Amino acid sequence: MDHVIRVVRADEWLKAKELRLISLQDPAAPVAFLETYENAVARPDSYWQDRVTGASEGGPARQFVAEGPDGEWAGTVVVLVEPVGAEGIFGEVSSVSQAHLVAVFVRPEFRGTGLTEELFRAAIEWAWSLAEPRLDRVRLFVHQGNGRAAGFYRKFGFVPTGYAVPGPGGTVGRELEMAVERPV
């Protein structure tokens, strides 16, 4: 693989915005993301700057990107840290310290190349490396209609927890929680 997996830098908000807008135009976007292209493209630059600053080195979250030799970003994943008592993106309160993987996207031409696995490996290794809070598990949500993503997550060790929430916006179906527990 000729891509480098690394943490986004705060000054790269424009590239992060570009990749996010591309991801929101993917055919799976309606069941993969909690945001529409129309809403995202209308956001001011300050939104994107704050979002990337918060997910860069030293921020409360981490955004990992797969960068090619030409500087093009081929994929991304974001890790949100949810300590006990934190409110999750669906309004639920966390009963365990956990990481939450969101905004998973790899450009179609790079799917099946191992890039998604490398992004997940970096994200999960970072989550397990945290000393405070020490995380008990890593979780994510997948729409029940997104079988391709659910299959990948299962291969990576994620298992359904039985917890589900209604799907975003006008989508039919539910978002199913999957998690992997901290290795002993």
C-alpha atoms as a PDB file:
ATOM      1  CA  MET A   1       0.000   0.000   0.000  1.00  0.00           C
ATOM      2  CA  ASP A   2       1.409   3.374  -0.958  1.00  0.00           C
ATOM      3  CA  HIS A   3      -0.869   5.446   1.283  1.00  0.00           C
ATOM      4  CA  VAL A   4       0.177   6.899   4.623  1.00  0.00           C
ATOM      5  CA  ILE A   5      -2.365   6.723   7.445  1.00  0.00           C
ATOM      6  CA  ARG A   6      -2.064   9.770   9.665  1.00  0.00           C
ATOM      7  CA  VAL A   7      -3.952  12.237  11.839  1.00  0.00           C
ATOM      8  CA  VAL A   8      -5.381  15.280  10.097  1.00  0.00           C
ATOM      9  CA  ARG A   9      -3.732  18.629  10.820  1.00  0.00           C
ATOM     10  CA  ALA A  10      -5.823  21.629  11.873  1.00  0.00           C
ATOM     11  CA  ASP A  11      -4.836  23.627   8.789  1.00  0.00           C
ATOM     12  CA  GLU A  12      -6.198  20.912   6.467  1.00  0.00           C
ATOM     13  CA  TRP A  13      -9.840  21.823   6.982  1.00  0.00           C
ATOM     14  CA  LEU A  14     -10.389  22.529   3.283  1.00  0.00           C
ATOM     15  CA  LYS A  15      -9.217  19.036   2.268  1.00  0.00           C
ATOM     16  CA  ALA A  16     -11.327  17.509   5.053  1.00  0.00           C
ATOM     17  CA  LYS A  17     -14.358  19.452   3.834  1.00  0.00           C
ATOM     18  CA  GLU A  18     -13.732  18.310   0.255  1.00  0.00           C
ATOM     19  CA  LEU A  19     -13.534  14.624   1.254  1.00  0.00           C
ATOM     20  CA  ARG A  20     -16.635  14.922   3.432  1.00  0.00           C
ATOM     21  CA  LEU A  21     -18.612  16.446   0.569  1.00  0.00           C
ATOM     22  CA  ILE A  22     -17.450  13.641  -1.730  1.00  0.00           C
ATOM     23  CA  SER A  23     -18.525  11.053   0.854  1.00  0.00           C
ATOM     24  CA  LEU A  24     -21.977  12.624   1.114  1.00  0.00           C
ATOM     25  CA  GLN A  25     -22.465  12.114  -2.633  1.00  0.00           C
ATOM     26  CA  ASP A  26     -21.734   8.373  -2.411  1.00  0.00           C
ATOM     27  CA  PRO A  27     -24.766   6.169  -3.236  1.00  0.00           C
ATOM     28  CA  ALA A  28     -24.628   4.718   0.315  1.00  0.00           C
ATOM     29  CA  ALA A  29     -24.641   8.180   1.935  1.00  0.00           C
ATOM     30  CA  PRO A  30     -28.351   8.243   2.885  1.00  0.00           C
ATOM     31  CA  VAL A  31     -27.856   5.216   5.144  1.00  0.00           C
ATOM     32  CA  ALA A  32     -24.200   5.770   6.012  1.00  0.00           C
ATOM     33  CA  PHE A  33     -24.113   9.342   7.274  1.00  0.00           C
ATOM     34  CA  LEU A  34     -26.280  11.477   9.564  1.00  0.00           C
ATOM     35  CA  GLU A  35     -25.882  14.510   7.319  1.00  0.00           C
ATOM     36  CA  THR A  36     -26.885  15.425   3.791  1.00  0.00           C
ATOM     37  CA  TYR A  37     -24.709  16.956   1.114  1.00  0.00           C
ATOM     38  CA  GLU A  38     -27.031  19.972   0.959  1.00  0.00           C
ATOM     39  CA  ASN A  39     -26.651  20.687   4.685  1.00  0.00           C
ATOM     40  CA  ALA A  40     -22.883  20.161   4.646  1.00  0.00           C
ATOM     41  CA  VAL A  41     -22.156  22.324   1.609  1.00  0.00           C
ATOM     42  CA  ALA A  42     -24.124  25.198   3.191  1.00  0.00           C
ATOM     43  CA  ARG A  43     -21.993  25.219   6.365  1.00  0.00           C
ATOM     44  CA  PRO A  44     -19.628  28.187   6.817  1.00  0.00           C
ATOM     45  CA  ASP A  45     -15.859  27.749   6.699  1.00  0.00           C
ATOM     46  CA  SER A  46     -15.707  28.334  10.461  1.00  0.00           C
ATOM     47  CA  TYR A  47     -17.676  25.096  10.989  1.00  0.00           C
ATOM     48  CA  TRP A  48     -15.123  23.099   8.999  1.00  0.00           C
ATOM     49  CA  GLN A  49     -12.190  24.809  10.700  1.00  0.00           C
ATOM     50  CA  ASP A  50     -13.587  24.008  14.167  1.00  0.00           C
ATOM     51  CA  ARG A  51     -14.442  20.444  13.182  1.00  0.00           C
ATOM     52  CA  VAL A  52     -10.936  19.702  11.912  1.00  0.00           C
ATOM     53  CA  THR A  53      -9.199  21.496  14.778  1.00  0.00           C
ATOM     54  CA  GLY A  54     -11.171  19.333  17.232  1.00  0.00           C
ATOM     55  CA  ALA A  55     -10.134  16.167  15.392  1.00  0.00           C
ATOM     56  CA  SER A  56      -6.457  17.027  14.941  1.00  0.00           C
ATOM     57  CA  GLU A  57      -3.531  16.303  17.242  1.00  0.00           C
ATOM     58  CA  GLY A  58      -4.394  17.597  20.716  1.00  0.00           C
ATOM     59  CA  GLY A  59      -8.138  17.824  20.065  1.00  0.00           C
ATOM     60  CA  PRO A  60     -10.845  15.809  21.842  1.00  0.00           C
ATOM     61  CA  ALA A  61     -11.284  13.480  18.848  1.00  0.00           C
ATOM     62  CA  ARG A  62      -9.079  12.164  16.037  1.00  0.00           C
ATOM     63  CA  GLN A  63      -9.612  12.122  12.310  1.00  0.00           C
ATOM     64  CA  PHE A  64      -7.390   9.697  10.460  1.00  0.00           C
ATOM     65  CA  VAL A  65      -6.828  10.062   6.733  1.00  0.00           C
ATOM     66  CA  ALA A  66      -5.266   7.846   4.087  1.00  0.00           C
ATOM     67  CA  GLU A  67      -2.995  10.102   2.055  1.00  0.00           C
ATOM     68  CA  GLY A  68      -1.558   9.015  -1.282  1.00  0.00           C
ATOM     69  CA  PRO A  69       1.917   9.867  -2.604  1.00  0.00           C
ATOM     70  CA  ASP A  70       0.331  12.690  -4.622  1.00  0.00           C
ATOM     71  CA  GLY A  71      -1.247  14.205  -1.482  1.00  0.00           C
ATOM     72  CA  GLU A  72      -4.765  13.063  -2.412  1.00  0.00           C
ATOM     73  CA  TRP A  73      -6.876  11.737   0.442  1.00  0.00           C
ATOM     74  CA  ALA A  74      -8.379   8.349  -0.338  1.00  0.00           C
ATOM     75  CA  GLY A  75     -10.297   7.781   2.895  1.00  0.00           C
ATOM     76  CA  THR A  76     -10.994   8.786   6.460  1.00  0.00           C
ATOM     77  CA  VAL A  77     -12.394   7.716   9.810  1.00  0.00           C
ATOM     78  CA  VAL A  78     -13.100   9.843  12.891  1.00  0.00           C
ATOM     79  CA  VAL A  79     -12.820   8.646  16.493  1.00  0.00           C
ATOM     80  CA  LEU A  80     -14.965  10.344  19.133  1.00  0.00           C
ATOM     81  CA  VAL A  81     -14.121   9.698  22.785  1.00  0.00           C
ATOM     82  CA  GLU A  82     -17.186   9.126  24.973  1.00  0.00           C
ATOM     83  CA  PRO A  83     -16.334   8.883  28.682  1.00  0.00           C
ATOM     84  CA  VAL A  84     -18.905   7.537  31.143  1.00  0.00           C
ATOM     85  CA  GLY A  85     -21.795   9.990  31.314  1.00  0.00           C
ATOM     86  CA  ALA A  86     -21.102  11.592  27.913  1.00  0.00           C
ATOM     87  CA  GLU A  87     -23.984  12.125  25.549  1.00  0.00           C
ATOM     88  CA  GLY A  88     -23.631  10.204  22.285  1.00  0.00           C
ATOM     89  CA  ILE A  89     -24.643  11.400  18.834  1.00  0.00           C
ATOM     90  CA  PHE A  90     -28.090   9.828  19.200  1.00  0.00           C
ATOM     91  CA  GLY A  91     -28.709  11.464  22.588  1.00  0.00           C
ATOM     92  CA  GLU A  92     -27.957   8.350  24.640  1.00  0.00           C
ATOM     93  CA  VAL A  93     -25.768   8.635  27.750  1.00  0.00           C
ATOM     94  CA  SER A  94     -22.699   6.425  27.823  1.00  0.00           C
ATOM     95  CA  SER A  95     -22.557   3.908  30.649  1.00  0.00           C
ATOM     96  CA  VAL A  96     -18.973   2.891  29.760  1.00  0.00           C
ATOM     97  CA  SER A  97     -15.885   4.746  28.572  1.00  0.00           C
ATOM     98  CA  GLN A  98     -15.735   4.123  24.861  1.00  0.00           C
ATOM     99  CA  ALA A  99     -14.603   5.370  21.490  1.00  0.00           C
ATOM    100  CA  HIS A 100     -17.127   5.863  18.734  1.00  0.00           C
ATOM    101  CA  LEU A 101     -16.051   5.499  15.096  1.00  0.00           C
ATOM    102  CA  VAL A 102     -17.913   7.822  12.723  1.00  0.00           C
ATOM    103  CA  ALA A 103     -17.581   9.324   9.243  1.00  0.00           C
ATOM    104  CA  VAL A 104     -16.030   6.177   7.776  1.00  0.00           C
ATOM    105  CA  PHE A 105     -15.395   6.675   4.075  1.00  0.00           C
ATOM    106  CA  VAL A 106     -13.040   5.333   1.418  1.00  0.00           C
ATOM    107  CA  ARG A 107     -13.273   6.524  -2.170  1.00  0.00           C
ATOM    108  CA  PRO A 108     -14.754   3.805  -4.400  1.00  0.00           C
ATOM    109  CA  GLU A 109     -11.576   3.362  -6.451  1.00  0.00           C
ATOM    110  CA  PHE A 110      -9.648   2.433  -3.266  1.00  0.00           C
ATOM    111  CA  ARG A 111     -12.176   0.017  -1.775  1.00  0.00           C
ATOM    112  CA  GLY A 112     -10.965  -3.553  -1.464  1.00  0.00           C
ATOM    113  CA  THR A 113      -7.305  -2.481  -1.332  1.00  0.00           C
ATOM    114  CA  GLY A 114      -6.822  -2.784   2.435  1.00  0.00           C
ATOM    115  CA  LEU A 115      -7.131   0.943   3.020  1.00  0.00           C
ATOM    116  CA  THR A 116     -10.234   0.670   5.199  1.00  0.00           C
ATOM    117  CA  GLU A 117      -8.498  -1.933   7.351  1.00  0.00           C
ATOM    118  CA  GLU A 118      -5.482   0.355   7.777  1.00  0.00           C
ATOM    119  CA  LEU A 119      -7.692   3.306   8.745  1.00  0.00           C
ATOM    120  CA  PHE A 120      -9.560   1.161  11.287  1.00  0.00           C
ATOM    121  CA  ARG A 121      -6.328  -0.250  12.674  1.00  0.00           C
ATOM    122  CA  ALA A 122      -4.942   3.257  13.262  1.00  0.00           C
ATOM    123  CA  ALA A 123      -8.196   4.500  14.808  1.00  0.00           C
ATOM    124  CA  ILE A 124      -8.581   1.546  17.159  1.00  0.00           C
ATOM    125  CA  GLU A 125      -4.906   1.534  18.161  1.00  0.00           C
ATOM    126  CA  TRP A 126      -5.218   5.212  19.046  1.00  0.00           C
ATOM    127  CA  ALA A 127      -8.351   4.528  21.108  1.00  0.00           C
ATOM    128  CA  TRP A 128      -6.677   1.718  23.060  1.00  0.00           C
ATOM    129  CA  SER A 129      -3.591   3.894  23.630  1.00  0.00           C
ATOM    130  CA  LEU A 130      -5.501   6.489  25.651  1.00  0.00           C
ATOM    131  CA  ALA A 131      -4.617   6.482  29.326  1.00  0.00           C
ATOM    132  CA  GLU A 132      -7.359   8.897  30.378  1.00  0.00           C
ATOM    133  CA  PRO A 133     -10.056   7.982  29.954  1.00  0.00           C
ATOM    134  CA  ARG A 134      -9.135   4.320  29.603  1.00  0.00           C
ATOM    135  CA  LEU A 135     -11.629   2.983  27.105  1.00  0.00           C
ATOM    136  CA  ASP A 136     -13.522  -0.277  27.577  1.00  0.00           C
ATOM    137  CA  ARG A 137     -14.726  -0.660  24.002  1.00  0.00           C
ATOM    138  CA  VAL A 138     -14.918   0.841  20.542  1.00  0.00           C
ATOM    139  CA  ARG A 139     -18.337   1.120  18.964  1.00  0.00           C
ATOM    140  CA  LEU A 140     -19.998   2.283  15.796  1.00  0.00           C
ATOM    141  CA  PHE A 141     -23.465   2.326  14.303  1.00  0.00           C
ATOM    142  CA  VAL A 142     -24.407   0.853  10.962  1.00  0.00           C
ATOM    143  CA  HIS A 143     -27.745   1.201   9.201  1.00  0.00           C
ATOM    144  CA  GLN A 144     -29.531  -2.110   8.923  1.00  0.00           C
ATOM    145  CA  GLY A 145     -29.677  -1.554   5.145  1.00  0.00           C
ATOM    146  CA  ASN A 146     -25.910  -1.120   4.793  1.00  0.00           C
ATOM    147  CA  GLY A 147     -24.893  -4.765   4.522  1.00  0.00           C
ATOM    148  CA  ARG A 148     -21.559  -4.016   2.843  1.00  0.00           C
ATOM    149  CA  ALA A 149     -20.403  -1.927   5.804  1.00  0.00           C
ATOM    150  CA  ALA A 150     -21.808  -4.338   8.411  1.00  0.00           C
ATOM    151  CA  GLY A 151     -19.931  -7.215   6.775  1.00  0.00           C
ATOM    152  CA  PHE A 152     -16.664  -5.313   6.917  1.00  0.00           C
ATOM    153  CA  TYR A 153     -17.205  -4.400  10.566  1.00  0.00           C
ATOM    154  CA  ARG A 154     -17.875  -8.050  11.473  1.00  0.00           C
ATOM    155  CA  LYS A 155     -14.655  -9.112   9.728  1.00  0.00           C
ATOM    156  CA  PHE A 156     -12.838  -6.517  11.809  1.00  0.00           C
ATOM    157  CA  GLY A 157     -14.185  -8.043  15.048  1.00  0.00           C
ATOM    158  CA  PHE A 158     -17.211  -5.844  15.709  1.00  0.00           C
ATOM    159  CA  VAL A 159     -20.301  -7.673  16.957  1.00  0.00           C
ATOM    160  CA  PRO A 160     -23.890  -6.462  17.310  1.00  0.00           C
ATOM    161  CA  THR A 161     -24.697  -5.323  20.849  1.00  0.00           C
ATOM    162  CA  GLY A 162     -28.481  -5.482  20.476  1.00  0.00           C
ATOM    163  CA  TYR A 163     -28.827  -1.713  20.893  1.00  0.00           C
ATOM    164  CA  ALA A 164     -30.498   0.150  18.029  1.00  0.00           C
ATOM    165  CA  VAL A 165     -31.864   3.627  17.320  1.00  0.00           C
ATOM    166  CA  PRO A 166     -34.162   4.927  14.566  1.00  0.00           C
ATOM    167  CA  GLY A 167     -32.428   5.683  11.267  1.00  0.00           C
ATOM    168  CA  PRO A 168     -31.536   9.262  10.358  1.00  0.00           C
ATOM    169  CA  GLY A 169     -33.941  11.675   8.742  1.00  0.00           C
ATOM    170  CA  GLY A 170     -36.373  10.054   6.341  1.00  0.00           C
ATOM    171  CA  THR A 171     -34.546   6.704   6.102  1.00  0.00           C
ATOM    172  CA  VAL A 172     -36.420   3.507   6.713  1.00  0.00           C
ATOM    173  CA  GLY A 173     -34.889   1.172   9.276  1.00  0.00           C
ATOM    174  CA  ARG A 174     -32.653   1.409  12.274  1.00  0.00           C
ATOM    175  CA  GLU A 175     -29.045   2.140  13.157  1.00  0.00           C
ATOM    176  CA  LEU A 176     -27.549  -0.934  14.824  1.00  0.00           C
ATOM    177  CA  GLU A 177     -24.748  -0.600  17.341  1.00  0.00           C
ATOM    178  CA  MET A 178     -21.722  -2.861  16.922  1.00  0.00           C
ATOM    179  CA  ALA A 179     -18.746  -2.939  19.267  1.00  0.00           C
ATOM    180  CA  VAL A 180     -15.406  -4.547  19.940  1.00  0.00           C
ATOM    181  CA  GLU A 181     -14.277  -4.921  23.543  1.00  0.00           C
ATOM    182  CA  ARG A 182     -10.843  -3.907  24.799  1.00  0.00           C
ATOM    183  CA  PRO A 183      -8.434  -6.832  24.466  1.00  0.00           C
ATOM    184  CA  VAL A 184      -7.409  -8.352  27.752  1.00  0.00           C
END
